[in-house]
Structures are given as C-alpha cells and as structure tokens.
C-alpha cells in the first residue's frame, strides 16, 4: 500500500460522506418546509387581515376624526381672529 492509494481512499470516503450529508440535509430541509408551510400560510393570512383592519380604521376612523379636528381648529382660529378685532383677549370676562 502506497501513500497515493491511501490518499485516494480518504478522498473517496470524504466524498461519499459529503454526498450523504448533502442528501440528509436536503431531506431534512424538505421535511421542515412541509411542516413550516402551513404556519407561513397562516402568518400571511393574518398579515392580510391586519392590513385590511388598518385600512378600514384609516378610512372609517382616522380620516373623519382628522377632518373634525381640522374643523375645530379652524373654528378656534376664527374665534381668536374675531376676538383680536374686537379688542378682547381670550379668557377675559364680561364685566
């Protein structure tokens, strides 16, 4: 037995071992994917649901609330402007 034969044997053994390791890893990855796929699908569904809820809240609550707040702000500015023209300060009491 020469050293070349021994090195060829080691390379062959490591090659077969690496091939088997790749096959085992591929099988494990496939099995994990099959187990995780329903979880990923439910996460996608939940994300779509949350997105729909956020859109609904934005259109049904946030926009009208912002419009009402803008209306009150405008009315308050108008009252402040009228009170400046009449000479009264905000918070003065009628005497």
PDB file of N, CA and C in Angstrom:
ATOM      1  N   UNK A   1       0.830  -1.184   0.000  1.00  0.00           N
ATOM      2  CA  UNK A   1       0.000   0.000   0.000  1.00  0.00           C
ATOM      3  C   UNK A   1       0.868   1.237   0.000  1.00  0.00           C
ATOM      4  N   UNK A   2       0.617   2.047  -0.981  1.00  0.00           N
ATOM      5  CA  UNK A   2       1.385   3.280  -1.059  1.00  0.00           C
ATOM      6  C   UNK A   2       0.525   4.436  -0.553  1.00  0.00           C
ATOM      7  N   UNK A   3       1.177   5.555  -0.378  1.00  0.00           N
ATOM      8  CA  UNK A   3       0.506   6.751   0.146  1.00  0.00           C
ATOM      9  C   UNK A   3      -0.544   7.272  -0.832  1.00  0.00           C
ATOM     10  N   UNK A   4      -0.314   7.060  -2.150  1.00  0.00           N
ATOM     11  CA  UNK A   4      -1.291   7.528  -3.143  1.00  0.00           C
ATOM     12  C   UNK A   4      -2.607   6.770  -2.987  1.00  0.00           C
ATOM     13  N   UNK A   5      -2.485   5.449  -2.747  1.00  0.00           N
ATOM     14  CA  UNK A   5      -3.690   4.642  -2.563  1.00  0.00           C
ATOM     15  C   UNK A   5      -4.459   5.084  -1.324  1.00  0.00           C
ATOM     16  N   UNK A   6      -3.724   5.400  -0.248  1.00  0.00           N
ATOM     17  CA  UNK A   6      -4.337   5.847   0.997  1.00  0.00           C
ATOM     18  C   UNK A   6      -5.016   7.199   0.814  1.00  0.00           C
ATOM     19  N   UNK A   7      -4.382   8.136   0.110  1.00  0.00           N
ATOM     20  CA  UNK A   7      -4.983   9.454  -0.112  1.00  0.00           C
ATOM     21  C   UNK A   7      -6.228   9.324  -0.996  1.00  0.00           C
ATOM     22  N   UNK A   8      -6.180   8.437  -2.000  1.00  0.00           N
ATOM     23  CA  UNK A   8      -7.365   8.210  -2.834  1.00  0.00           C
ATOM     24  C   UNK A   8      -8.516   7.631  -1.999  1.00  0.00           C
ATOM     25  N   UNK A   9      -8.193   6.740  -1.087  1.00  0.00           N
ATOM     26  CA  UNK A   9      -9.209   6.153  -0.215  1.00  0.00           C
ATOM     27  C   UNK A   9      -9.835   7.218   0.676  1.00  0.00           C
ATOM     28  N   UNK A  10      -9.028   8.075   1.257  1.00  0.00           N
ATOM     29  CA  UNK A  10      -9.532   9.138   2.136  1.00  0.00           C
ATOM     30  C   UNK A  10     -10.410  10.106   1.345  1.00  0.00           C
ATOM     31  N   UNK A  11      -9.956  10.491   0.163  1.00  0.00           N
ATOM     32  CA  UNK A  11     -10.743  11.399  -0.678  1.00  0.00           C
ATOM     33  C   UNK A  11     -12.073  10.748  -1.051  1.00  0.00           C
ATOM     34  N   UNK A  12     -12.060   9.481  -1.373  1.00  0.00           N
ATOM     35  CA  UNK A  12     -13.301   8.770  -1.725  1.00  0.00           C
ATOM     36  C   UNK A  12     -14.253   8.699  -0.535  1.00  0.00           C
ATOM     37  N   UNK A  13     -13.712   8.373   0.628  1.00  0.00           N
ATOM     38  CA  UNK A  13     -14.555   8.284   1.828  1.00  0.00           C
ATOM     39  C   UNK A  13     -15.163   9.649   2.150  1.00  0.00           C
ATOM     40  N   UNK A  14     -14.352  10.711   2.100  1.00  0.00           N
ATOM     41  CA  UNK A  14     -14.874  12.047   2.377  1.00  0.00           C
ATOM     42  C   UNK A  14     -15.873  12.484   1.313  1.00  0.00           C
ATOM     43  N   UNK A  15     -15.659  12.108   0.080  1.00  0.00           N
ATOM     44  CA  UNK A  15     -16.609  12.435  -0.990  1.00  0.00           C
ATOM     45  C   UNK A  15     -17.950  11.758  -0.774  1.00  0.00           C
ATOM     46  N   UNK A  16     -17.911  10.468  -0.431  1.00  0.00           N
ATOM     47  CA  UNK A  16     -19.151   9.736  -0.161  1.00  0.00           C
ATOM     48  C   UNK A  16     -19.845  10.315   1.073  1.00  0.00           C
ATOM     49  N   UNK A  17     -19.067  10.637   2.089  1.00  0.00           N
ATOM     50  CA  UNK A  17     -19.634  11.233   3.308  1.00  0.00           C
ATOM     51  C   UNK A  17     -20.272  12.590   3.031  1.00  0.00           C
ATOM     52  N   UNK A  18     -19.597  13.412   2.219  1.00  0.00           N
ATOM     53  CA  UNK A  18     -20.162  14.720   1.884  1.00  0.00           C
ATOM     54  C   UNK A  18     -21.432  14.566   1.061  1.00  0.00           C
ATOM     55  N   UNK A  19     -21.444  13.630   0.130  1.00  0.00           N
ATOM     56  CA  UNK A  19     -22.649  13.379  -0.660  1.00  0.00           C
ATOM     57  C   UNK A  19     -23.816  12.937   0.212  1.00  0.00           C
ATOM     58  N   UNK A  20     -23.544  12.029   1.139  1.00  0.00           N
ATOM     59  CA  UNK A  20     -24.586  11.578   2.060  1.00  0.00           C
ATOM     60  C   UNK A  20     -25.071  12.723   2.954  1.00  0.00           C
ATOM     61  N   UNK A  21     -24.144  13.546   3.411  1.00  0.00           N
ATOM     62  CA  UNK A  21     -24.518  14.683   4.254  1.00  0.00           C
ATOM     63  C   UNK A  21     -25.416  15.655   3.481  1.00  0.00           C
ATOM     64  N   UNK A  22     -25.097  15.910   2.225  1.00  0.00           N
ATOM     65  CA  UNK A  22     -25.921  16.802   1.407  1.00  0.00           C
ATOM     66  C   UNK A  22     -27.314  16.219   1.204  1.00  0.00           C
ATOM     67  N   UNK A  23     -27.384  14.917   0.975  1.00  0.00           N
ATOM     68  CA  UNK A  23     -28.689  14.264   0.797  1.00  0.00           C
ATOM     69  C   UNK A  23     -29.505  14.354   2.086  1.00  0.00           C
ATOM     70  N   UNK A  24     -28.892  14.092   3.232  1.00  0.00           N
ATOM     71  CA  UNK A  24     -29.593  14.158   4.515  1.00  0.00           C
ATOM     72  C   UNK A  24     -30.070  15.578   4.784  1.00  0.00           C
ATOM     73  N   UNK A  25     -29.228  16.553   4.526  1.00  0.00           N
ATOM     74  CA  UNK A  25     -29.614  17.954   4.741  1.00  0.00           C
ATOM     75  C   UNK A  25     -30.770  18.342   3.825  1.00  0.00           C
ATOM     76  N   UNK A  26     -30.735  17.890   2.571  1.00  0.00           N
ATOM     77  CA  UNK A  26     -31.823  18.198   1.637  1.00  0.00           C
ATOM     78  C   UNK A  26     -33.136  17.571   2.100  1.00  0.00           C
ATOM     79  N   UNK A  27     -33.080  16.328   2.558  1.00  0.00           N
ATOM     80  CA  UNK A  27     -34.297  15.659   3.044  1.00  0.00           C
ATOM     81  C   UNK A  27     -34.830  16.379   4.278  1.00  0.00           C
ATOM     82  N   UNK A  28     -33.961  16.733   5.210  1.00  0.00           N
ATOM     83  CA  UNK A  28     -34.400  17.452   6.408  1.00  0.00           C
ATOM     84  C   UNK A  28     -34.993  18.817   6.056  1.00  0.00           C
ATOM     85  N   UNK A  29     -34.384  19.520   5.111  1.00  0.00           N
ATOM     86  CA  UNK A  29     -34.915  20.813   4.690  1.00  0.00           C
ATOM     87  C   UNK A  29     -36.297  20.663   4.076  1.00  0.00           C
ATOM     88  N   UNK A  30     -36.491  19.629   3.264  1.00  0.00           N
ATOM     89  CA  UNK A  30     -37.805  19.396   2.657  1.00  0.00           C
ATOM     90  C   UNK A  30     -38.853  19.082   3.724  1.00  0.00           C
ATOM     91  N   UNK A  31     -38.484  18.242   4.691  1.00  0.00           N
ATOM     92  CA  UNK A  31     -39.432  17.914   5.766  1.00  0.00           C
ATOM     93  C   UNK A  31     -39.769  19.144   6.609  1.00  0.00           C
ATOM     94  N   UNK A  32     -38.782  19.954   6.887  1.00  0.00           N
ATOM     95  CA  UNK A  32     -39.035  21.185   7.650  1.00  0.00           C
ATOM     96  C   UNK A  32     -39.926  22.139   6.862  1.00  0.00           C
ATOM     97  N   UNK A  33     -39.698  22.231   5.562  1.00  0.00           N
ATOM     98  CA  UNK A  33     -40.527  23.095   4.715  1.00  0.00           C
ATOM     99  C   UNK A  33     -41.983  22.621   4.759  1.00  0.00           C
ATOM    100  N   UNK A  34     -42.192  21.305   4.681  1.00  0.00           N
ATOM    101  CA  UNK A  34     -43.564  20.783   4.719  1.00  0.00           C
ATOM    102  C   UNK A  34     -44.233  21.070   6.045  1.00  0.00           C
ATOM    103  N   UNK A  35     -43.473  21.091   7.129  1.00  0.00           N
ATOM    104  CA  UNK A  35     -44.055  21.393   8.441  1.00  0.00           C
ATOM    105  C   UNK A  35     -44.275  22.887   8.623  1.00  0.00           C
ATOM    106  N   UNK A  36     -43.403  23.710   8.070  1.00  0.00           N
ATOM    107  CA  UNK A  36     -43.475  25.157   8.275  1.00  0.00           C
ATOM    108  C   UNK A  36     -44.447  25.817   7.306  1.00  0.00           C
ATOM    109  N   UNK A  37     -44.725  25.197   6.158  1.00  0.00           N
ATOM    110  CA  UNK A  37     -45.583  25.808   5.146  1.00  0.00           C
ATOM    111  C   UNK A  37     -46.956  26.195   5.685  1.00  0.00           C
ATOM    112  N   UNK A  38     -47.670  25.363   6.448  1.00  0.00           N
ATOM    113  CA  UNK A  38     -48.960  25.817   6.988  1.00  0.00           C
ATOM    114  C   UNK A  38     -48.828  27.019   7.928  1.00  0.00           C
ATOM    115  N   UNK A  39     -47.742  27.050   8.683  1.00  0.00           N
ATOM    116  CA  UNK A  39     -47.518  28.179   9.583  1.00  0.00           C
ATOM    117  C   UNK A  39     -47.290  29.446   8.768  1.00  0.00           C
ATOM    118  N   UNK A  40     -46.494  29.347   7.710  1.00  0.00           N
ATOM    119  CA  UNK A  40     -46.258  30.509   6.862  1.00  0.00           C
ATOM    120  C   UNK A  40     -47.543  30.980   6.198  1.00  0.00           C
ATOM    121  N   UNK A  41     -48.378  30.049   5.773  1.00  0.00           N
ATOM    122  CA  UNK A  41     -49.657  30.420   5.171  1.00  0.00           C
ATOM    123  C   UNK A  41     -50.546  31.144   6.172  1.00  0.00           C
ATOM    124  N   UNK A  42     -50.584  30.668   7.399  1.00  0.00           N
ATOM    125  CA  UNK A  42     -51.415  31.333   8.404  1.00  0.00           C
ATOM    126  C   UNK A  42     -50.854  32.702   8.763  1.00  0.00           C
ATOM    127  N   UNK A  43     -49.541  32.848   8.752  1.00  0.00           N
ATOM    128  CA  UNK A  43     -48.942  34.159   9.006  1.00  0.00           C
ATOM    129  C   UNK A  43     -49.295  35.126   7.879  1.00  0.00           C
ATOM    130  N   UNK A  44     -49.264  34.648   6.629  1.00  0.00           N
ATOM    131  CA  UNK A  44     -49.663  35.500   5.501  1.00  0.00           C
ATOM    132  C   UNK A  44     -51.121  35.929   5.630  1.00  0.00           C
ATOM    133  N   UNK A  45     -51.978  35.004   6.002  1.00  0.00           N
ATOM    134  CA  UNK A  45     -53.397  35.311   6.173  1.00  0.00           C
ATOM    135  C   UNK A  45     -53.591  36.336   7.291  1.00  0.00           C
ATOM    136  N   UNK A  46     -52.898  36.154   8.387  1.00  0.00           N
ATOM    137  CA  UNK A  46     -53.008  37.098   9.499  1.00  0.00           C
ATOM    138  C   UNK A  46     -52.492  38.468   9.091  1.00  0.00           C
ATOM    139  N   UNK A  47     -51.416  38.518   8.328  1.00  0.00           N
ATOM    140  CA  UNK A  47     -50.877  39.803   7.878  1.00  0.00           C
ATOM    141  C   UNK A  47     -51.872  40.510   6.962  1.00  0.00           C
ATOM    142  N   UNK A  48     -52.515  39.760   6.063  1.00  0.00           N
ATOM    143  CA  UNK A  48     -53.542  40.367   5.198  1.00  0.00           C
ATOM    144  C   UNK A  48     -54.705  40.887   6.027  1.00  0.00           C
ATOM    145  N   UNK A  49     -55.089  40.139   7.038  1.00  0.00           N
ATOM    146  CA  UNK A  49     -56.189  40.557   7.906  1.00  0.00           C
ATOM    147  C   UNK A  49     -55.846  41.837   8.649  1.00  0.00           C
ATOM    148  N   UNK A  50     -54.634  41.909   9.176  1.00  0.00           N
ATOM    149  CA  UNK A  50     -54.194  43.112   9.879  1.00  0.00           C
ATOM    150  C   UNK A  50     -54.139  44.294   8.916  1.00  0.00           C
ATOM    151  N   UNK A  51     -53.686  44.064   7.704  1.00  0.00           N
ATOM    152  CA  UNK A  51     -53.638  45.126   6.710  1.00  0.00           C
ATOM    153  C   UNK A  51     -55.046  45.629   6.388  1.00  0.00           C
ATOM    154  N   UNK A  52     -55.996  44.718   6.253  1.00  0.00           N
ATOM    155  CA  UNK A  52     -57.378  45.110   5.993  1.00  0.00           C
ATOM    156  C   UNK A  52     -57.965  45.903   7.159  1.00  0.00           C
ATOM    157  N   UNK A  53     -57.683  45.475   8.380  1.00  0.00           N
ATOM    158  CA  UNK A  53     -58.175  46.196   9.553  1.00  0.00           C
ATOM    159  C   UNK A  53     -57.569  47.590   9.609  1.00  0.00           C
ATOM    160  N   UNK A  54     -56.277  47.706   9.340  1.00  0.00           N
ATOM    161  CA  UNK A  54     -55.624  49.017   9.372  1.00  0.00           C
ATOM    162  C   UNK A  54     -56.192  49.938   8.307  1.00  0.00           C
ATOM    163  N   UNK A  55     -56.447  49.418   7.131  1.00  0.00           N
ATOM    164  CA  UNK A  55     -57.029  50.228   6.062  1.00  0.00           C
ATOM    165  C   UNK A  55     -58.431  50.686   6.442  1.00  0.00           C
ATOM    166  N   UNK A  56     -59.211  49.786   7.006  1.00  0.00           N
ATOM    167  CA  UNK A  56     -60.571  50.140   7.421  1.00  0.00           C
ATOM    168  C   UNK A  56     -60.551  51.193   8.521  1.00  0.00           C
ATOM    169  N   UNK A  57     -59.683  51.028   9.493  1.00  0.00           N
ATOM    170  CA  UNK A  57     -59.586  52.016  10.570  1.00  0.00           C
ATOM    171  C   UNK A  57     -59.168  53.365  10.007  1.00  0.00           C
ATOM    172  N   UNK A  58     -58.240  53.351   9.069  1.00  0.00           N
ATOM    173  CA  UNK A  58     -57.797  54.614   8.478  1.00  0.00           C
ATOM    174  C   UNK A  58     -58.939  55.315   7.766  1.00  0.00           C
ATOM    175  N   UNK A  59     -59.698  54.586   6.962  1.00  0.00           N
ATOM    176  CA  UNK A  59     -60.751  55.226   6.171  1.00  0.00           C
ATOM    177  C   UNK A  59     -61.983  55.549   7.001  1.00  0.00           C
ATOM    178  N   UNK A  60     -62.304  54.723   7.992  1.00  0.00           N
ATOM    179  CA  UNK A  60     -63.541  54.922   8.743  1.00  0.00           C
ATOM    180  C   UNK A  60     -63.365  55.734  10.015  1.00  0.00           C
ATOM    181  N   UNK A  61     -62.169  55.789  10.561  1.00  0.00           N
ATOM    182  CA  UNK A  61     -61.974  56.479  11.840  1.00  0.00           C
ATOM    183  C   UNK A  61     -60.994  57.636  11.716  1.00  0.00           C
ATOM    184  N   UNK A  62     -59.816  57.365  11.209  1.00  0.00           N
ATOM    185  CA  UNK A  62     -58.753  58.375  11.247  1.00  0.00           C
ATOM    186  C   UNK A  62     -59.061  59.574  10.355  1.00  0.00           C
ATOM    187  N   UNK A  63     -59.494  59.346   9.126  1.00  0.00           N
ATOM    188  CA  UNK A  63     -59.777  60.472   8.234  1.00  0.00           C
ATOM    189  C   UNK A  63     -60.921  61.337   8.741  1.00  0.00           C
ATOM    190  N   UNK A  64     -62.077  60.760   9.116  1.00  0.00           N
ATOM    191  CA  UNK A  64     -63.137  61.634   9.644  1.00  0.00           C
ATOM    192  C   UNK A  64     -62.724  62.349  10.927  1.00  0.00           C
ATOM    193  N   UNK A  65     -61.971  61.681  11.788  1.00  0.00           N
ATOM    194  CA  UNK A  65     -61.516  62.314  13.016  1.00  0.00           C
ATOM    195  C   UNK A  65     -60.575  63.468  12.710  1.00  0.00           C
ATOM    196  N   UNK A  66     -59.706  63.297  11.727  1.00  0.00           N
ATOM    197  CA  UNK A  66     -58.809  64.387  11.326  1.00  0.00           C
ATOM    198  C   UNK A  66     -59.604  65.546  10.736  1.00  0.00           C
ATOM    199  N   UNK A  67     -60.653  65.254   9.989  1.00  0.00           N
ATOM    200  CA  UNK A  67     -61.475  66.320   9.422  1.00  0.00           C
ATOM    201  C   UNK A  67     -62.205  67.093  10.519  1.00  0.00           C
ATOM    202  N   UNK A  68     -62.727  66.391  11.505  1.00  0.00           N
ATOM    203  CA  UNK A  68     -63.397  67.064  12.623  1.00  0.00           C
ATOM    204  C   UNK A  68     -62.394  67.903  13.409  1.00  0.00           C
ATOM    205  N   UNK A  69     -61.206  67.370  13.646  1.00  0.00           N
ATOM    206  CA  UNK A  69     -60.176  68.122  14.363  1.00  0.00           C
ATOM    207  C   UNK A  69     -59.783  69.365  13.574  1.00  0.00           C
ATOM    208  N   UNK A  70     -59.674  69.252  12.259  1.00  0.00           N
ATOM    209  CA  UNK A  70     -59.338  70.416  11.439  1.00  0.00           C
ATOM    210  C   UNK A  70     -60.464  71.450  11.492  1.00  0.00           C
ATOM    211  N   UNK A  71     -61.709  71.007  11.513  1.00  0.00           N
ATOM    212  CA  UNK A  71     -62.843  71.926  11.620  1.00  0.00           C
ATOM    213  C   UNK A  71     -62.796  72.681  12.943  1.00  0.00           C
ATOM    214  N   UNK A  72     -62.584  71.970  14.052  1.00  0.00           N
ATOM    215  CA  UNK A  72     -62.497  72.632  15.353  1.00  0.00           C
ATOM    216  C   UNK A  72     -61.318  73.597  15.406  1.00  0.00           C
ATOM    217  N   UNK A  73     -60.210  73.221  14.816  1.00  0.00           N
ATOM    218  CA  UNK A  73     -59.039  74.103  14.786  1.00  0.00           C
ATOM    219  C   UNK A  73     -59.360  75.375  14.003  1.00  0.00           C
ATOM    220  N   UNK A  74     -60.036  75.222  12.883  1.00  0.00           N
ATOM    221  CA  UNK A  74     -60.417  76.390  12.088  1.00  0.00           C
ATOM    222  C   UNK A  74     -61.388  77.283  12.818  1.00  0.00           C
ATOM    223  N   UNK A  75     -62.359  76.690  13.503  1.00  0.00           N
ATOM    224  CA  UNK A  75     -63.311  77.488  14.282  1.00  0.00           C
ATOM    225  C   UNK A  75     -62.584  78.227  15.395  1.00  0.00           C
ATOM    226  N   UNK A  76     -61.657  77.576  16.047  1.00  0.00           N
ATOM    227  CA  UNK A  76     -60.908  78.232  17.122  1.00  0.00           C
ATOM    228  C   UNK A  76     -60.074  79.386  16.584  1.00  0.00           C
ATOM    229  N   UNK A  77     -59.448  79.190  15.425  1.00  0.00           N
ATOM    230  CA  UNK A  77     -58.688  80.289  14.825  1.00  0.00           C
ATOM    231  C   UNK A  77     -59.602  81.446  14.451  1.00  0.00           C
ATOM    232  N   UNK A  78     -60.786  81.142  13.946  1.00  0.00           N
ATOM    233  CA  UNK A  78     -61.730  82.196  13.595  1.00  0.00           C
ATOM    234  C   UNK A  78     -62.164  82.966  14.837  1.00  0.00           C
ATOM    235  N   UNK A  79     -62.422  82.261  15.926  1.00  0.00           N
ATOM    236  CA  UNK A  79     -62.805  82.935  17.181  1.00  0.00           C
ATOM    237  C   UNK A  79     -61.659  83.804  17.676  1.00  0.00           C
ATOM    238  N   UNK A  80     -60.437  83.319  17.597  1.00  0.00           N
ATOM    239  CA  UNK A  80     -59.271  84.110  18.017  1.00  0.00           C
ATOM    240  C   UNK A  80     -59.137  85.361  17.163  1.00  0.00           C
ATOM    241  N   UNK A  81     -59.348  85.251  15.864  1.00  0.00           N
ATOM    242  CA  UNK A  81     -59.223  86.408  14.984  1.00  0.00           C
ATOM    243  C   UNK A  81     -60.318  87.425  15.285  1.00  0.00           C
ATOM    244  N   UNK A  82     -61.535  86.960  15.497  1.00  0.00           N
ATOM    245  CA  UNK A  82     -62.637  87.872  15.821  1.00  0.00           C
ATOM    246  C   UNK A  82     -62.379  88.543  17.157  1.00  0.00           C
ATOM    247  N   UNK A  83     -61.869  87.794  18.117  1.00  0.00           N
ATOM    248  CA  UNK A  83     -61.603  88.394  19.428  1.00  0.00           C
ATOM    249  C   UNK A  83     -60.467  89.412  19.349  1.00  0.00           C
ATOM    250  N   UNK A  84     -59.501  89.227  18.451  1.00  0.00           N
ATOM    251  CA  UNK A  84     -58.443  90.235  18.281  1.00  0.00           C
ATOM    252  C   UNK A  84     -59.006  91.518  17.677  1.00  0.00           C
ATOM    253  N   UNK A  85     -59.939  91.379  16.733  1.00  0.00           N
ATOM    254  CA  UNK A  85     -60.524  92.556  16.097  1.00  0.00           C
ATOM    255  C   UNK A  85     -61.446  93.316  17.055  1.00  0.00           C
ATOM    256  N   UNK A  86     -62.080  92.616  17.978  1.00  0.00           N
ATOM    257  CA  UNK A  86     -62.977  93.290  18.912  1.00  0.00           C
ATOM    258  C   UNK A  86     -62.237  93.837  20.115  1.00  0.00           C
ATOM    259  N   UNK A  87     -60.996  93.495  20.264  1.00  0.00           N
ATOM    260  CA  UNK A  87     -60.178  94.034  21.355  1.00  0.00           C
ATOM    261  C   UNK A  87     -60.207  93.200  22.609  1.00  0.00           C
ATOM    262  N   UNK A  88     -60.929  92.146  22.617  1.00  0.00           N
ATOM    263  CA  UNK A  88     -60.975  91.280  23.797  1.00  0.00           C
ATOM    264  C   UNK A  88     -59.846  90.254  23.720  1.00  0.00           C
ATOM    265  N   UNK A  89     -59.352  89.911  24.877  1.00  0.00           N
ATOM    266  CA  UNK A  89     -58.350  88.862  24.941  1.00  0.00           C
ATOM    267  C   UNK A  89     -59.056  87.570  25.310  1.00  0.00           C
ATOM    268  N   UNK A  90     -58.477  86.489  24.906  1.00  0.00           N
ATOM    269  CA  UNK A  90     -59.054  85.190  25.213  1.00  0.00           C
ATOM    270  C   UNK A  90     -59.013  84.990  26.719  1.00  0.00           C
ATOM    271  N   UNK A  91     -60.137  84.640  27.300  1.00  0.00           N
ATOM    272  CA  UNK A  91     -60.187  84.415  28.732  1.00  0.00           C
ATOM    273  C   UNK A  91     -60.707  85.619  29.503  1.00  0.00           C
ATOM    274  N   UNK A  92     -60.902  86.784  28.863  1.00  0.00           N
ATOM    275  CA  UNK A  92     -61.475  87.944  29.556  1.00  0.00           C
ATOM    276  C   UNK A  92     -62.927  87.675  29.859  1.00  0.00           C
ATOM    277  N   UNK A  93     -63.372  88.181  31.014  1.00  0.00           N
ATOM    278  CA  UNK A  93     -64.768  88.031  31.417  1.00  0.00           C
ATOM    279  C   UNK A  93     -65.516  89.319  31.105  1.00  0.00           C
ATOM    280  N   UNK A  94     -66.763  89.159  30.757  1.00  0.00           N
ATOM    281  CA  UNK A  94     -67.578  90.357  30.581  1.00  0.00           C
ATOM    282  C   UNK A  94     -67.817  91.007  31.938  1.00  0.00           C
ATOM    283  N   UNK A  95     -67.606  92.322  32.010  1.00  0.00           N
ATOM    284  CA  UNK A  95     -67.776  92.992  33.303  1.00  0.00           C
ATOM    285  C   UNK A  95     -69.017  93.797  33.323  1.00  0.00           C
TER     286      UNK A  95
END
